[in-house]
Structures are given as structure tokens and as C-alpha cells.
């Protein structure tokens, strides 16, 4: 299925590009998230007209992503969780929890879908987490899980 990209998408293409992708990817992701339009003649003409606006919006998003990157890069955040004697957590640390910690500590809102732990956080220790802030801006933080003392 041919679509026109409305924003830069990592490993797919850039603004205004007409690309051929699988129908499901186009419908379920690109078009539903307003990252692309079906490539009809009318849409192609429309996108040519608004290409500069789209580029400006993308540059603004990139600038904002760089500011967040500077604020949180290489920082370490602590999360307290209940754990067993052999340092295993009851449950794992999910991207939504990491997003809440970043919002509380740094006042930055990051969509949990942009947060990628290098491996599942299921035990006590330090874990690297990759955050995709923009198609061209990524940052890395460290999540340190600590045993939460049980109240007696």
C-alpha cells in the first residue's frame, strides 16, 4: 500500500516521502497515528502544499526532544519494589512506572511506548533504559531498583 509520510519515521522514511508498506502497518500504525496519509492524487497535492509546515513542526518536536535529552541523559532514577530474599522482584518494572518516575523527578512527560528497557527489569540492580524522544533523538538513563523494606 502506498502512503505519504506526514512526519519522519525511524527506519521507514521522511516527511513527504511516498513509500510502499504493508497494508496492516499502514492502516494500524501510520494512518491511525496520523503519521501518514493514503497516497491518492489529492493527498499528494495536499502534502506538497503543507510540506514546509510539516518540516517546521518536525523541527520543533526535535528541538523539544533535545531539551528533554539534555535534562535526563545518563541520569539514574530509583524505583522501590517489594522483593524476595534472592533479590527477585514481585512483578517487573514497566515503562509506565518509568514514565511516572521521570514525570515526578524531572517534570517531563514521556509516552511509555517510547521507553525501551534493554532487558526486562525483574530483579534488584541497575538497568539501562533507552528512550526514543524523536526519530533522530535518543537518550539513555539508568533505572536502579531497590528493595522496599516491608512494614512490620
C-alpha atoms as a PDB file:
ATOM      1  CA  UNK A   1       0.000   0.000   0.000  1.00  0.00           C
ATOM      2  CA  UNK A   2       1.391   3.405  -0.947  1.00  0.00           C
ATOM      3  CA  UNK A   3       1.268   6.141   1.692  1.00  0.00           C
ATOM      4  CA  UNK A   4       2.675   9.663   2.086  1.00  0.00           C
ATOM      5  CA  UNK A   5       4.565  10.287   5.321  1.00  0.00           C
ATOM      6  CA  UNK A   6       3.484  13.310   7.371  1.00  0.00           C
ATOM      7  CA  UNK A   7       6.473  13.072   9.743  1.00  0.00           C
ATOM      8  CA  UNK A   8       9.892  11.445   9.932  1.00  0.00           C
ATOM      9  CA  UNK A   9       9.570   7.811  10.974  1.00  0.00           C
ATOM     10  CA  UNK A  10      12.713   5.935  12.013  1.00  0.00           C
ATOM     11  CA  UNK A  11      13.743   3.193   9.556  1.00  0.00           C
ATOM     12  CA  UNK A  12      10.738   3.986   7.309  1.00  0.00           C
ATOM     13  CA  UNK A  13      11.210   7.395   5.666  1.00  0.00           C
ATOM     14  CA  UNK A  14      10.994  11.157   5.959  1.00  0.00           C
ATOM     15  CA  UNK A  15       8.308  13.845   5.568  1.00  0.00           C
ATOM     16  CA  UNK A  16       6.559  13.988   2.193  1.00  0.00           C
ATOM     17  CA  UNK A  17       8.053  10.706   1.001  1.00  0.00           C
ATOM     18  CA  UNK A  18       5.752   8.286  -0.822  1.00  0.00           C
ATOM     19  CA  UNK A  19       6.550   4.790   0.387  1.00  0.00           C
ATOM     20  CA  UNK A  20       5.191   1.305  -0.140  1.00  0.00           C
ATOM     21  CA  UNK A  21       4.403  -0.507   3.129  1.00  0.00           C
ATOM     22  CA  UNK A  22       2.316  -3.480   4.179  1.00  0.00           C
ATOM     23  CA  UNK A  23      -1.387  -2.768   4.407  1.00  0.00           C
ATOM     24  CA  UNK A  24      -1.634  -3.621   8.128  1.00  0.00           C
ATOM     25  CA  UNK A  25       1.316  -1.385   9.076  1.00  0.00           C
ATOM     26  CA  UNK A  26      -0.186   1.476   7.067  1.00  0.00           C
ATOM     27  CA  UNK A  27      -3.698   1.134   8.489  1.00  0.00           C
ATOM     28  CA  UNK A  28      -2.967   0.126  12.070  1.00  0.00           C
ATOM     29  CA  UNK A  29       0.042   2.320  12.751  1.00  0.00           C
ATOM     30  CA  UNK A  30       0.930   5.021  10.223  1.00  0.00           C
ATOM     31  CA  UNK A  31      -2.568   6.238   9.301  1.00  0.00           C
ATOM     32  CA  UNK A  32      -4.157   5.681  12.743  1.00  0.00           C
ATOM     33  CA  UNK A  33      -1.354   7.654  14.476  1.00  0.00           C
ATOM     34  CA  UNK A  34      -1.617  10.403  11.818  1.00  0.00           C
ATOM     35  CA  UNK A  35       1.951   9.766  10.653  1.00  0.00           C
ATOM     36  CA  UNK A  36       0.837   9.130   7.057  1.00  0.00           C
ATOM     37  CA  UNK A  37      -1.975   9.518   4.517  1.00  0.00           C
ATOM     38  CA  UNK A  38      -3.145   7.149   1.789  1.00  0.00           C
ATOM     39  CA  UNK A  39      -1.294   8.151  -1.405  1.00  0.00           C
ATOM     40  CA  UNK A  40      -4.148   9.410  -3.591  1.00  0.00           C
ATOM     41  CA  UNK A  41      -3.637  12.187  -6.164  1.00  0.00           C
ATOM     42  CA  UNK A  42      -5.491  14.716  -3.974  1.00  0.00           C
ATOM     43  CA  UNK A  43      -3.448  13.795  -0.885  1.00  0.00           C
ATOM     44  CA  UNK A  44      -0.164  14.061  -2.811  1.00  0.00           C
ATOM     45  CA  UNK A  45      -1.058  17.618  -3.906  1.00  0.00           C
ATOM     46  CA  UNK A  46      -2.191  18.492  -0.361  1.00  0.00           C
ATOM     47  CA  UNK A  47       1.057  17.252   1.210  1.00  0.00           C
ATOM     48  CA  UNK A  48       3.171  19.198  -1.305  1.00  0.00           C
ATOM     49  CA  UNK A  49       1.384  22.379  -0.153  1.00  0.00           C
ATOM     50  CA  UNK A  50       1.872  21.757   3.576  1.00  0.00           C
ATOM     51  CA  UNK A  51       5.369  20.234   3.401  1.00  0.00           C
ATOM     52  CA  UNK A  52       7.070  23.334   4.895  1.00  0.00           C
ATOM     53  CA  UNK A  53       4.629  23.426   7.816  1.00  0.00           C
ATOM     54  CA  UNK A  54       5.257  19.744   8.484  1.00  0.00           C
ATOM     55  CA  UNK A  55       9.033  20.280   8.382  1.00  0.00           C
ATOM     56  CA  UNK A  56       8.723  23.200  10.824  1.00  0.00           C
ATOM     57  CA  UNK A  57       6.584  21.104  13.213  1.00  0.00           C
ATOM     58  CA  UNK A  58       9.110  18.276  12.990  1.00  0.00           C
ATOM     59  CA  UNK A  59      11.979  20.672  13.781  1.00  0.00           C
ATOM     60  CA  UNK A  60      10.026  21.972  16.817  1.00  0.00           C
ATOM     61  CA  UNK A  61       9.464  18.408  18.046  1.00  0.00           C
ATOM     62  CA  UNK A  62      13.154  17.663  17.524  1.00  0.00           C
ATOM     63  CA  UNK A  63      14.162  20.790  19.492  1.00  0.00           C
ATOM     64  CA  UNK A  64      11.854  19.804  22.361  1.00  0.00           C
ATOM     65  CA  UNK A  65      13.248  16.249  22.278  1.00  0.00           C
ATOM     66  CA  UNK A  66      16.810  17.619  22.501  1.00  0.00           C
ATOM     67  CA  UNK A  67      15.873  19.707  25.557  1.00  0.00           C
ATOM     68  CA  UNK A  68      14.448  16.618  27.299  1.00  0.00           C
ATOM     69  CA  UNK A  69      17.545  14.653  26.229  1.00  0.00           C
ATOM     70  CA  UNK A  70      19.855  17.234  27.857  1.00  0.00           C
ATOM     71  CA  UNK A  71      17.761  17.180  31.026  1.00  0.00           C
ATOM     72  CA  UNK A  72      17.717  13.401  31.580  1.00  0.00           C
ATOM     73  CA  UNK A  73      20.668  11.877  29.695  1.00  0.00           C
ATOM     74  CA  UNK A  74      22.836   9.449  31.668  1.00  0.00           C
ATOM     75  CA  UNK A  75      20.921  10.122  34.902  1.00  0.00           C
ATOM     76  CA  UNK A  76      19.967   7.426  37.373  1.00  0.00           C
ATOM     77  CA  UNK A  77      16.485   7.026  38.863  1.00  0.00           C
ATOM     78  CA  UNK A  78      15.486   4.809  41.767  1.00  0.00           C
ATOM     79  CA  UNK A  79      12.383   2.655  41.935  1.00  0.00           C
ATOM     80  CA  UNK A  80      11.455   0.843  45.159  1.00  0.00           C
ATOM     81  CA  UNK A  81       9.732  -2.515  44.766  1.00  0.00           C
ATOM     82  CA  UNK A  82       8.908  -5.452  47.028  1.00  0.00           C
ATOM     83  CA  UNK A  83      11.388  -8.274  46.512  1.00  0.00           C
ATOM     84  CA  UNK A  84      12.170 -11.824  47.631  1.00  0.00           C
ATOM     85  CA  UNK A  85      15.233 -12.894  49.628  1.00  0.00           C
ATOM     86  CA  UNK A  86      17.117 -13.821  46.439  1.00  0.00           C
ATOM     87  CA  UNK A  87      16.690 -10.291  45.012  1.00  0.00           C
ATOM     88  CA  UNK A  88      13.866 -11.102  42.585  1.00  0.00           C
ATOM     89  CA  UNK A  89      11.055  -8.535  42.282  1.00  0.00           C
ATOM     90  CA  UNK A  90       7.379  -9.320  42.762  1.00  0.00           C
ATOM     91  CA  UNK A  91       6.373  -8.302  39.243  1.00  0.00           C
ATOM     92  CA  UNK A  92       8.576  -6.266  36.925  1.00  0.00           C
ATOM     93  CA  UNK A  93       9.198  -2.564  36.360  1.00  0.00           C
ATOM     94  CA  UNK A  94       7.127  -1.497  33.347  1.00  0.00           C
ATOM     95  CA  UNK A  95       7.609   1.523  31.021  1.00  0.00           C
ATOM     96  CA  UNK A  96       4.537   3.189  32.612  1.00  0.00           C
ATOM     97  CA  UNK A  97       6.299   3.204  36.014  1.00  0.00           C
ATOM     98  CA  UNK A  98       9.470   4.621  34.445  1.00  0.00           C
ATOM     99  CA  UNK A  99       7.356   7.322  32.761  1.00  0.00           C
ATOM    100  CA  UNK A 100       5.810   8.265  36.150  1.00  0.00           C
ATOM    101  CA  UNK A 101       9.245   8.443  37.817  1.00  0.00           C
ATOM    102  CA  UNK A 102      10.526  10.770  35.066  1.00  0.00           C
ATOM    103  CA  UNK A 103       7.444  12.968  35.394  1.00  0.00           C
ATOM    104  CA  UNK A 104       7.812  13.202  39.202  1.00  0.00           C
ATOM    105  CA  UNK A 105      11.572  13.874  39.196  1.00  0.00           C
ATOM    106  CA  UNK A 106      12.124  15.923  36.033  1.00  0.00           C
ATOM    107  CA  UNK A 107       8.620  17.247  35.160  1.00  0.00           C
ATOM    108  CA  UNK A 108       8.839  15.764  31.634  1.00  0.00           C
ATOM    109  CA  UNK A 109       6.017  13.766  30.090  1.00  0.00           C
ATOM    110  CA  UNK A 110       7.251  10.780  28.096  1.00  0.00           C
ATOM    111  CA  UNK A 111       4.871   8.348  26.469  1.00  0.00           C
ATOM    112  CA  UNK A 112       5.512   4.821  27.865  1.00  0.00           C
ATOM    113  CA  UNK A 113       5.583   3.444  24.296  1.00  0.00           C
ATOM    114  CA  UNK A 114       8.824   5.410  23.717  1.00  0.00           C
ATOM    115  CA  UNK A 115      10.593   3.730  26.659  1.00  0.00           C
ATOM    116  CA  UNK A 116      12.602   0.575  25.903  1.00  0.00           C
ATOM    117  CA  UNK A 117      14.378  -1.238  28.746  1.00  0.00           C
ATOM    118  CA  UNK A 118      17.442  -3.134  27.414  1.00  0.00           C
ATOM    119  CA  UNK A 119      16.104  -6.224  29.215  1.00  0.00           C
ATOM    120  CA  UNK A 120      13.147  -6.912  31.486  1.00  0.00           C
ATOM    121  CA  UNK A 121      13.572  -5.371  34.925  1.00  0.00           C
ATOM    122  CA  UNK A 122      12.719  -8.303  37.221  1.00  0.00           C
ATOM    123  CA  UNK A 123      15.417  -8.130  39.895  1.00  0.00           C
ATOM    124  CA  UNK A 124      17.270  -5.666  42.098  1.00  0.00           C
ATOM    125  CA  UNK A 125      20.112  -3.792  40.419  1.00  0.00           C
ATOM    126  CA  UNK A 126      20.913  -1.219  37.716  1.00  0.00           C
ATOM    127  CA  UNK A 127      19.264  -1.430  34.297  1.00  0.00           C
ATOM    128  CA  UNK A 128      19.884   0.660  31.187  1.00  0.00           C
ATOM    129  CA  UNK A 129      16.787   2.071  29.513  1.00  0.00           C
ATOM    130  CA  UNK A 130      16.659   3.578  26.017  1.00  0.00           C
ATOM    131  CA  UNK A 131      14.170   6.387  25.370  1.00  0.00           C
ATOM    132  CA  UNK A 132      13.209   7.353  21.798  1.00  0.00           C
ATOM    133  CA  UNK A 133      12.323  11.043  22.100  1.00  0.00           C
ATOM    134  CA  UNK A 134      12.235  11.709  18.328  1.00  0.00           C
ATOM    135  CA  UNK A 135      13.106   9.775  15.172  1.00  0.00           C
ATOM    136  CA  UNK A 136      16.580  11.370  15.368  1.00  0.00           C
ATOM    137  CA  UNK A 137      16.973  11.837  19.157  1.00  0.00           C
ATOM    138  CA  UNK A 138      17.505   9.000  21.615  1.00  0.00           C
ATOM    139  CA  UNK A 139      18.727   9.109  25.193  1.00  0.00           C
ATOM    140  CA  UNK A 140      19.731   6.592  27.810  1.00  0.00           C
ATOM    141  CA  UNK A 141      19.003   6.525  31.529  1.00  0.00           C
ATOM    142  CA  UNK A 142      19.691   4.037  34.319  1.00  0.00           C
ATOM    143  CA  UNK A 143      16.912   2.636  36.483  1.00  0.00           C
ATOM    144  CA  UNK A 144      18.115   1.369  39.863  1.00  0.00           C
ATOM    145  CA  UNK A 145      15.696  -0.998  41.561  1.00  0.00           C
ATOM    146  CA  UNK A 146      15.887  -1.069  45.353  1.00  0.00           C
ATOM    147  CA  UNK A 147      14.262  -3.470  47.796  1.00  0.00           C
ATOM    148  CA  UNK A 148      11.342  -1.830  49.547  1.00  0.00           C
ATOM    149  CA  UNK A 149      11.519  -2.660  53.238  1.00  0.00           C
ATOM    150  CA  UNK A 150       8.376  -4.462  54.341  1.00  0.00           C
ATOM    151  CA  UNK A 151       6.497  -2.669  57.069  1.00  0.00           C
ATOM    152  CA  UNK A 152       6.133  -4.720  60.248  1.00  0.00           C
END
